Amino acid sequence: KADIWSVGCIVYEMCCLKTPFKAKGLNELFEIVCKGKFASIPSIYTKDLSILIQKMLKVEENERISCDDFFNLSIVKNWI
């Protein structure tokens, strides 16, 4: 589940050219990440991609998409 979260951060950065969570220090970053709030990706990207990133960046591990579910999504199958 941690790897899915990491990939979600990378995909977000590729879309937005910035990190989903920005802070001035580690304590602030911890607080921001724990809240799980980040700006949406630009609207030039599909709604499916936006939803996928949201599922990948869920703070609660049990709410985050699993590897099996990730690879079974049509949007991911089309990439592969």
PDB file of N, CA and C in Angstrom:
ATOM      1  N   LYS A   1       0.826  -1.204   0.000  1.00  0.00           N
ATOM      2  CA  LYS A   1       0.000   0.000   0.000  1.00  0.00           C
ATOM      3  C   LYS A   1       0.870   1.269   0.000  1.00  0.00           C
ATOM      4  N   ALA A   2       2.033   1.211   0.629  1.00  0.00           N
ATOM      5  CA  ALA A   2       2.933   2.373   0.633  1.00  0.00           C
ATOM      6  C   ALA A   2       3.462   2.650  -0.775  1.00  0.00           C
ATOM      7  N   ASP A   3       3.705   1.585  -1.538  1.00  0.00           N
ATOM      8  CA  ASP A   3       4.179   1.759  -2.908  1.00  0.00           C
ATOM      9  C   ASP A   3       3.112   2.408  -3.784  1.00  0.00           C
ATOM     10  N   ILE A   4       1.866   2.030  -3.583  1.00  0.00           N
ATOM     11  CA  ILE A   4       0.764   2.649  -4.329  1.00  0.00           C
ATOM     12  C   ILE A   4       0.709   4.142  -4.011  1.00  0.00           C
ATOM     13  N   TRP A   5       0.864   4.492  -2.754  1.00  0.00           N
ATOM     14  CA  TRP A   5       0.852   5.907  -2.351  1.00  0.00           C
ATOM     15  C   TRP A   5       2.004   6.646  -3.023  1.00  0.00           C
ATOM     16  N   SER A   6       3.176   6.037  -3.053  1.00  0.00           N
ATOM     17  CA  SER A   6       4.342   6.661  -3.680  1.00  0.00           C
ATOM     18  C   SER A   6       4.127   6.875  -5.179  1.00  0.00           C
ATOM     19  N   VAL A   7       3.574   5.877  -5.842  1.00  0.00           N
ATOM     20  CA  VAL A   7       3.287   6.016  -7.271  1.00  0.00           C
ATOM     21  C   VAL A   7       2.243   7.112  -7.489  1.00  0.00           C
ATOM     22  N   GLY A   8       1.273   7.195  -6.598  1.00  0.00           N
ATOM     23  CA  GLY A   8       0.278   8.264  -6.693  1.00  0.00           C
ATOM     24  C   GLY A   8       0.927   9.637  -6.620  1.00  0.00           C
ATOM     25  N   CYS A   9       1.904   9.788  -5.742  1.00  0.00           N
ATOM     26  CA  CYS A   9       2.634  11.062  -5.642  1.00  0.00           C
ATOM     27  C   CYS A   9       3.383  11.363  -6.936  1.00  0.00           C
ATOM     28  N   ILE A  10       4.011  10.344  -7.504  1.00  0.00           N
ATOM     29  CA  ILE A  10       4.773  10.536  -8.742  1.00  0.00           C
ATOM     30  C   ILE A  10       3.857  10.897  -9.901  1.00  0.00           C
ATOM     31  N   VAL A  11       2.735  10.186 -10.038  1.00  0.00           N
ATOM     32  CA  VAL A  11       1.796  10.482 -11.119  1.00  0.00           C
ATOM     33  C   VAL A  11       1.236  11.897 -10.955  1.00  0.00           C
ATOM     34  N   TYR A  12       0.914  12.271  -9.726  1.00  0.00           N
ATOM     35  CA  TYR A  12       0.438  13.627  -9.456  1.00  0.00           C
ATOM     36  C   TYR A  12       1.478  14.650  -9.900  1.00  0.00           C
ATOM     37  N   GLU A  13       2.736  14.428  -9.526  1.00  0.00           N
ATOM     38  CA  GLU A  13       3.806  15.355  -9.900  1.00  0.00           C
ATOM     39  C   GLU A  13       3.979  15.440 -11.408  1.00  0.00           C
ATOM     40  N   MET A  14       3.820  14.315 -12.102  1.00  0.00           N
ATOM     41  CA  MET A  14       3.928  14.325 -13.557  1.00  0.00           C
ATOM     42  C   MET A  14       2.816  15.162 -14.188  1.00  0.00           C
ATOM     43  N   CYS A  15       1.646  15.132 -13.597  1.00  0.00           N
ATOM     44  CA  CYS A  15       0.503  15.889 -14.124  1.00  0.00           C
ATOM     45  C   CYS A  15       0.588  17.379 -13.778  1.00  0.00           C
ATOM     46  N   CYS A  16       1.014  17.667 -12.570  1.00  0.00           N
ATOM     47  CA  CYS A  16       0.949  19.041 -12.061  1.00  0.00           C
ATOM     48  C   CYS A  16       2.289  19.774 -12.048  1.00  0.00           C
ATOM     49  N   LEU A  17       3.352  19.021 -12.217  1.00  0.00           N
ATOM     50  CA  LEU A  17       4.709  19.571 -12.139  1.00  0.00           C
ATOM     51  C   LEU A  17       4.993  20.180 -10.767  1.00  0.00           C
ATOM     52  N   LYS A  18       4.362  19.623  -9.763  1.00  0.00           N
ATOM     53  CA  LYS A  18       4.606  19.998  -8.369  1.00  0.00           C
ATOM     54  C   LYS A  18       4.154  18.844  -7.483  1.00  0.00           C
ATOM     55  N   THR A  19       4.628  18.837  -6.266  1.00  0.00           N
ATOM     56  CA  THR A  19       4.261  17.769  -5.343  1.00  0.00           C
ATOM     57  C   THR A  19       2.839  17.966  -4.832  1.00  0.00           C
ATOM     58  N   PRO A  20       2.161  16.881  -4.477  1.00  0.00           N
ATOM     59  CA  PRO A  20       0.803  17.036  -3.943  1.00  0.00           C
ATOM     60  C   PRO A  20       0.794  17.644  -2.542  1.00  0.00           C
ATOM     61  N   PHE A  21       1.880  17.475  -1.809  1.00  0.00           N
ATOM     62  CA  PHE A  21       1.957  17.966  -0.438  1.00  0.00           C
ATOM     63  C   PHE A  21       3.207  18.830  -0.300  1.00  0.00           C
ATOM     64  N   LYS A  22       3.012  20.115  -0.032  1.00  0.00           N
ATOM     65  CA  LYS A  22       4.133  21.042   0.070  1.00  0.00           C
ATOM     66  C   LYS A  22       4.158  21.637   1.469  1.00  0.00           C
ATOM     67  N   ALA A  23       5.365  21.667   2.053  1.00  0.00           N
ATOM     68  CA  ALA A  23       5.510  22.208   3.408  1.00  0.00           C
ATOM     69  C   ALA A  23       6.906  22.788   3.570  1.00  0.00           C
ATOM     70  N   LYS A  24       7.062  23.567   4.622  1.00  0.00           N
ATOM     71  CA  LYS A  24       8.342  24.206   4.896  1.00  0.00           C
ATOM     72  C   LYS A  24       9.256  23.337   5.752  1.00  0.00           C
ATOM     73  N   GLY A  25       8.705  22.337   6.401  1.00  0.00           N
ATOM     74  CA  GLY A  25       9.500  21.459   7.248  1.00  0.00           C
ATOM     75  C   GLY A  25       8.820  20.113   7.418  1.00  0.00           C
ATOM     76  N   LEU A  26       9.526  19.198   8.055  1.00  0.00           N
ATOM     77  CA  LEU A  26       8.989  17.846   8.216  1.00  0.00           C
ATOM     78  C   LEU A  26       7.736  17.803   9.080  1.00  0.00           C
ATOM     79  N   ASN A  27       7.696  18.584  10.137  1.00  0.00           N
ATOM     80  CA  ASN A  27       6.503  18.587  10.998  1.00  0.00           C
ATOM     81  C   ASN A  27       5.278  19.078  10.236  1.00  0.00           C
ATOM     82  N   GLU A  28       5.457  20.152   9.490  1.00  0.00           N
ATOM     83  CA  GLU A  28       4.346  20.692   8.694  1.00  0.00           C
ATOM     84  C   GLU A  28       3.945  19.700   7.607  1.00  0.00           C
ATOM     85  N   LEU A  29       4.924  19.065   6.975  1.00  0.00           N
ATOM     86  CA  LEU A  29       4.635  18.073   5.938  1.00  0.00           C
ATOM     87  C   LEU A  29       3.836  16.913   6.525  1.00  0.00           C
ATOM     88  N   PHE A  30       4.226  16.459   7.693  1.00  0.00           N
ATOM     89  CA  PHE A  30       3.506  15.376   8.366  1.00  0.00           C
ATOM     90  C   PHE A  30       2.042  15.749   8.578  1.00  0.00           C
ATOM     91  N   GLU A  31       1.796  16.952   9.050  1.00  0.00           N
ATOM     92  CA  GLU A  31       0.421  17.409   9.291  1.00  0.00           C
ATOM     93  C   GLU A  31      -0.380  17.478   7.994  1.00  0.00           C
ATOM     94  N   ILE A  32       0.235  17.992   6.948  1.00  0.00           N
ATOM     95  CA  ILE A  32      -0.458  18.134   5.662  1.00  0.00           C
ATOM     96  C   ILE A  32      -0.782  16.762   5.067  1.00  0.00           C
ATOM     97  N   VAL A  33       0.186  15.860   5.111  1.00  0.00           N
ATOM     98  CA  VAL A  33      -0.030  14.513   4.565  1.00  0.00           C
ATOM     99  C   VAL A  33      -1.130  13.802   5.345  1.00  0.00           C
ATOM    100  N   CYS A  34      -1.116  13.944   6.666  1.00  0.00           N
ATOM    101  CA  CYS A  34      -2.132  13.286   7.496  1.00  0.00           C
ATOM    102  C   CYS A  34      -3.541  13.779   7.191  1.00  0.00           C
ATOM    103  N   LYS A  35      -3.676  15.018   6.764  1.00  0.00           N
ATOM    104  CA  LYS A  35      -4.988  15.552   6.383  1.00  0.00           C
ATOM    105  C   LYS A  35      -5.420  14.995   5.032  1.00  0.00           C
ATOM    106  N   GLY A  36      -4.453  14.642   4.195  1.00  0.00           N
ATOM    107  CA  GLY A  36      -4.764  14.029   2.902  1.00  0.00           C
ATOM    108  C   GLY A  36      -5.408  14.960   1.899  1.00  0.00           C
ATOM    109  N   LYS A  37      -5.213  16.239   2.063  1.00  0.00           N
ATOM    110  CA  LYS A  37      -5.812  17.199   1.135  1.00  0.00           C
ATOM    111  C   LYS A  37      -4.761  17.703   0.157  1.00  0.00           C
ATOM    112  N   PHE A  38      -5.145  17.717  -1.105  1.00  0.00           N
ATOM    113  CA  PHE A  38      -4.264  18.209  -2.155  1.00  0.00           C
ATOM    114  C   PHE A  38      -5.136  18.746  -3.286  1.00  0.00           C
ATOM    115  N   ALA A  39      -4.571  19.628  -4.076  1.00  0.00           N
ATOM    116  CA  ALA A  39      -5.317  20.222  -5.188  1.00  0.00           C
ATOM    117  C   ALA A  39      -5.565  19.172  -6.265  1.00  0.00           C
ATOM    118  N   SER A  40      -6.638  19.334  -6.992  1.00  0.00           N
ATOM    119  CA  SER A  40      -6.945  18.433  -8.108  1.00  0.00           C
ATOM    120  C   SER A  40      -5.924  18.623  -9.225  1.00  0.00           C
ATOM    121  N   ILE A  41      -5.761  17.586 -10.029  1.00  0.00           N
ATOM    122  CA  ILE A  41      -4.888  17.710 -11.188  1.00  0.00           C
ATOM    123  C   ILE A  41      -5.600  18.595 -12.220  1.00  0.00           C
ATOM    124  N   PRO A  42      -4.839  19.193 -13.152  1.00  0.00           N
ATOM    125  CA  PRO A  42      -5.465  20.056 -14.167  1.00  0.00           C
ATOM    126  C   PRO A  42      -6.556  19.327 -14.960  1.00  0.00           C
ATOM    127  N   SER A  43      -7.523  20.085 -15.393  1.00  0.00           N
ATOM    128  CA  SER A  43      -8.682  19.518 -16.088  1.00  0.00           C
ATOM    129  C   SER A  43      -8.358  18.993 -17.486  1.00  0.00           C
ATOM    130  N   ILE A  44      -7.146  19.200 -17.967  1.00  0.00           N
ATOM    131  CA  ILE A  44      -6.766  18.629 -19.274  1.00  0.00           C
ATOM    132  C   ILE A  44      -6.642  17.113 -19.194  1.00  0.00           C
ATOM    133  N   TYR A  45      -6.523  16.589 -17.961  1.00  0.00           N
ATOM    134  CA  TYR A  45      -6.433  15.153 -17.745  1.00  0.00           C
ATOM    135  C   TYR A  45      -7.832  14.582 -17.521  1.00  0.00           C
ATOM    136  N   THR A  46      -7.975  13.304 -17.761  1.00  0.00           N
ATOM    137  CA  THR A  46      -9.282  12.671 -17.648  1.00  0.00           C
ATOM    138  C   THR A  46      -9.748  12.588 -16.196  1.00  0.00           C
ATOM    139  N   LYS A  47     -11.047  12.509 -16.054  1.00  0.00           N
ATOM    140  CA  LYS A  47     -11.650  12.318 -14.731  1.00  0.00           C
ATOM    141  C   LYS A  47     -11.180  10.998 -14.128  1.00  0.00           C
ATOM    142  N   ASP A  48     -11.027   9.976 -14.977  1.00  0.00           N
ATOM    143  CA  ASP A  48     -10.554   8.666 -14.500  1.00  0.00           C
ATOM    144  C   ASP A  48      -9.177   8.772 -13.857  1.00  0.00           C
ATOM    145  N   LEU A  49      -8.295   9.553 -14.458  1.00  0.00           N
ATOM    146  CA  LEU A  49      -6.961   9.723 -13.888  1.00  0.00           C
ATOM    147  C   LEU A  49      -7.038  10.462 -12.564  1.00  0.00           C
ATOM    148  N   SER A  50      -7.867  11.469 -12.501  1.00  0.00           N
ATOM    149  CA  SER A  50      -8.045  12.218 -11.254  1.00  0.00           C
ATOM    150  C   SER A  50      -8.563  11.312 -10.138  1.00  0.00           C
ATOM    151  N   ILE A  51      -9.533  10.486 -10.458  1.00  0.00           N
ATOM    152  CA  ILE A  51     -10.096   9.557  -9.470  1.00  0.00           C
ATOM    153  C   ILE A  51      -9.050   8.538  -9.044  1.00  0.00           C
ATOM    154  N   LEU A  52      -8.267   8.040  -9.992  1.00  0.00           N
ATOM    155  CA  LEU A  52      -7.228   7.079  -9.670  1.00  0.00           C
ATOM    156  C   LEU A  52      -6.218   7.687  -8.694  1.00  0.00           C
ATOM    157  N   ILE A  53      -5.787   8.891  -8.950  1.00  0.00           N
ATOM    158  CA  ILE A  53      -4.840   9.551  -8.050  1.00  0.00           C
ATOM    159  C   ILE A  53      -5.448   9.722  -6.669  1.00  0.00           C
ATOM    160  N   GLN A  54      -6.709  10.109  -6.609  1.00  0.00           N
ATOM    161  CA  GLN A  54      -7.379  10.244  -5.311  1.00  0.00           C
ATOM    162  C   GLN A  54      -7.388   8.916  -4.561  1.00  0.00           C
ATOM    163  N   LYS A  55      -7.629   7.814  -5.273  1.00  0.00           N
ATOM    164  CA  LYS A  55      -7.646   6.490  -4.642  1.00  0.00           C
ATOM    165  C   LYS A  55      -6.252   6.075  -4.176  1.00  0.00           C
ATOM    166  N   MET A  56      -5.236   6.495  -4.907  1.00  0.00           N
ATOM    167  CA  MET A  56      -3.864   6.139  -4.568  1.00  0.00           C
ATOM    168  C   MET A  56      -3.330   6.952  -3.388  1.00  0.00           C
ATOM    169  N   LEU A  57      -3.853   8.145  -3.212  1.00  0.00           N
ATOM    170  CA  LEU A  57      -3.349   9.029  -2.164  1.00  0.00           C
ATOM    171  C   LEU A  57      -4.245   9.069  -0.925  1.00  0.00           C
ATOM    172  N   LYS A  58      -5.056   8.052  -0.739  1.00  0.00           N
ATOM    173  CA  LYS A  58      -5.859   7.959   0.487  1.00  0.00           C
ATOM    174  C   LYS A  58      -4.924   7.805   1.677  1.00  0.00           C
ATOM    175  N   VAL A  59      -5.160   8.571   2.724  1.00  0.00           N
ATOM    176  CA  VAL A  59      -4.316   8.517   3.916  1.00  0.00           C
ATOM    177  C   VAL A  59      -4.454   7.173   4.615  1.00  0.00           C
ATOM    178  N   GLU A  60      -5.678   6.736   4.795  1.00  0.00           N
ATOM    179  CA  GLU A  60      -5.917   5.464   5.474  1.00  0.00           C
ATOM    180  C   GLU A  60      -5.567   4.311   4.537  1.00  0.00           C
ATOM    181  N   GLU A  61      -4.647   3.492   4.970  1.00  0.00           N
ATOM    182  CA  GLU A  61      -4.158   2.379   4.157  1.00  0.00           C
ATOM    183  C   GLU A  61      -5.277   1.445   3.708  1.00  0.00           C
ATOM    184  N   ASN A  62      -6.228   1.187   4.593  1.00  0.00           N
ATOM    185  CA  ASN A  62      -7.324   0.268   4.242  1.00  0.00           C
ATOM    186  C   ASN A  62      -8.294   0.873   3.233  1.00  0.00           C
ATOM    187  N   GLU A  63      -8.243   2.175   3.021  1.00  0.00           N
ATOM    188  CA  GLU A  63      -9.091   2.838   2.024  1.00  0.00           C
ATOM    189  C   GLU A  63      -8.374   2.998   0.680  1.00  0.00           C
ATOM    190  N   ARG A  64      -7.054   2.873   0.700  1.00  0.00           N
ATOM    191  CA  ARG A  64      -6.245   3.045  -0.500  1.00  0.00           C
ATOM    192  C   ARG A  64      -6.419   1.853  -1.427  1.00  0.00           C
ATOM    193  N   ILE A  65      -6.378   2.108  -2.718  1.00  0.00           N
ATOM    194  CA  ILE A  65      -6.532   1.052  -3.711  1.00  0.00           C
ATOM    195  C   ILE A  65      -5.395   0.026  -3.558  1.00  0.00           C
ATOM    196  N   SER A  66      -5.730  -1.236  -3.738  1.00  0.00           N
ATOM    197  CA  SER A  66      -4.731  -2.305  -3.640  1.00  0.00           C
ATOM    198  C   SER A  66      -4.016  -2.462  -4.979  1.00  0.00           C
ATOM    199  N   CYS A  67      -2.901  -3.162  -4.971  1.00  0.00           N
ATOM    200  CA  CYS A  67      -2.168  -3.432  -6.216  1.00  0.00           C
ATOM    201  C   CYS A  67      -3.031  -4.211  -7.205  1.00  0.00           C
ATOM    202  N   ASP A  68      -3.730  -5.221  -6.710  1.00  0.00           N
ATOM    203  CA  ASP A  68      -4.583  -6.022  -7.588  1.00  0.00           C
ATOM    204  C   ASP A  68      -5.665  -5.162  -8.229  1.00  0.00           C
ATOM    205  N   ASP A  69      -6.331  -4.352  -7.419  1.00  0.00           N
ATOM    206  CA  ASP A  69      -7.380  -3.483  -7.960  1.00  0.00           C
ATOM    207  C   ASP A  69      -6.794  -2.457  -8.925  1.00  0.00           C
ATOM    208  N   PHE A  70      -5.617  -1.943  -8.596  1.00  0.00           N
ATOM    209  CA  PHE A  70      -4.941  -0.963  -9.450  1.00  0.00           C
ATOM    210  C   PHE A  70      -4.696  -1.550 -10.841  1.00  0.00           C
ATOM    211  N   PHE A  71      -4.114  -2.743 -10.893  1.00  0.00           N
ATOM    212  CA  PHE A  71      -3.777  -3.343 -12.184  1.00  0.00           C
ATOM    213  C   PHE A  71      -4.980  -3.873 -12.940  1.00  0.00           C
ATOM    214  N   ASN A  72      -6.125  -3.982 -12.286  1.00  0.00           N
ATOM    215  CA  ASN A  72      -7.342  -4.418 -12.963  1.00  0.00           C
ATOM    216  C   ASN A  72      -8.175  -3.264 -13.511  1.00  0.00           C
ATOM    217  N   LEU A  73      -7.792  -2.025 -13.226  1.00  0.00           N
ATOM    218  CA  LEU A  73      -8.519  -0.869 -13.749  1.00  0.00           C
ATOM    219  C   LEU A  73      -8.251  -0.718 -15.242  1.00  0.00           C
ATOM    220  N   SER A  74      -9.277  -0.376 -15.997  1.00  0.00           N
ATOM    221  CA  SER A  74      -9.116  -0.241 -17.450  1.00  0.00           C
ATOM    222  C   SER A  74      -8.132   0.866 -17.789  1.00  0.00           C
ATOM    223  N   ILE A  75      -8.102   1.936 -17.021  1.00  0.00           N
ATOM    224  CA  ILE A  75      -7.177   3.035 -17.309  1.00  0.00           C
ATOM    225  C   ILE A  75      -5.723   2.553 -17.186  1.00  0.00           C
ATOM    226  N   VAL A  76      -5.452   1.683 -16.247  1.00  0.00           N
ATOM    227  CA  VAL A  76      -4.104   1.151 -16.054  1.00  0.00           C
ATOM    228  C   VAL A  76      -3.793   0.103 -17.117  1.00  0.00           C
ATOM    229  N   LYS A  77      -4.757  -0.749 -17.431  1.00  0.00           N
ATOM    230  CA  LYS A  77      -4.553  -1.766 -18.463  1.00  0.00           C
ATOM    231  C   LYS A  77      -4.236  -1.097 -19.805  1.00  0.00           C
ATOM    232  N   ASN A  78      -4.858   0.043 -20.082  1.00  0.00           N
ATOM    233  CA  ASN A  78      -4.589   0.766 -21.331  1.00  0.00           C
ATOM    234  C   ASN A  78      -3.180   1.331 -21.365  1.00  0.00           C
ATOM    235  N   TRP A  79      -2.652   1.712 -20.207  1.00  0.00           N
ATOM    236  CA  TRP A  79      -1.270   2.217 -20.148  1.00  0.00           C
ATOM    237  C   TRP A  79      -0.281   1.108 -20.393  1.00  0.00           C
ATOM    238  N   ILE A  80      -0.608  -0.084 -19.848  1.00  0.00           N
ATOM    239  CA  ILE A  80       0.331  -1.203 -19.946  1.00  0.00           C
ATOM    240  C   ILE A  80       0.160  -1.832 -21.267  1.00  0.00           C
TER     241      ILE A  80
END
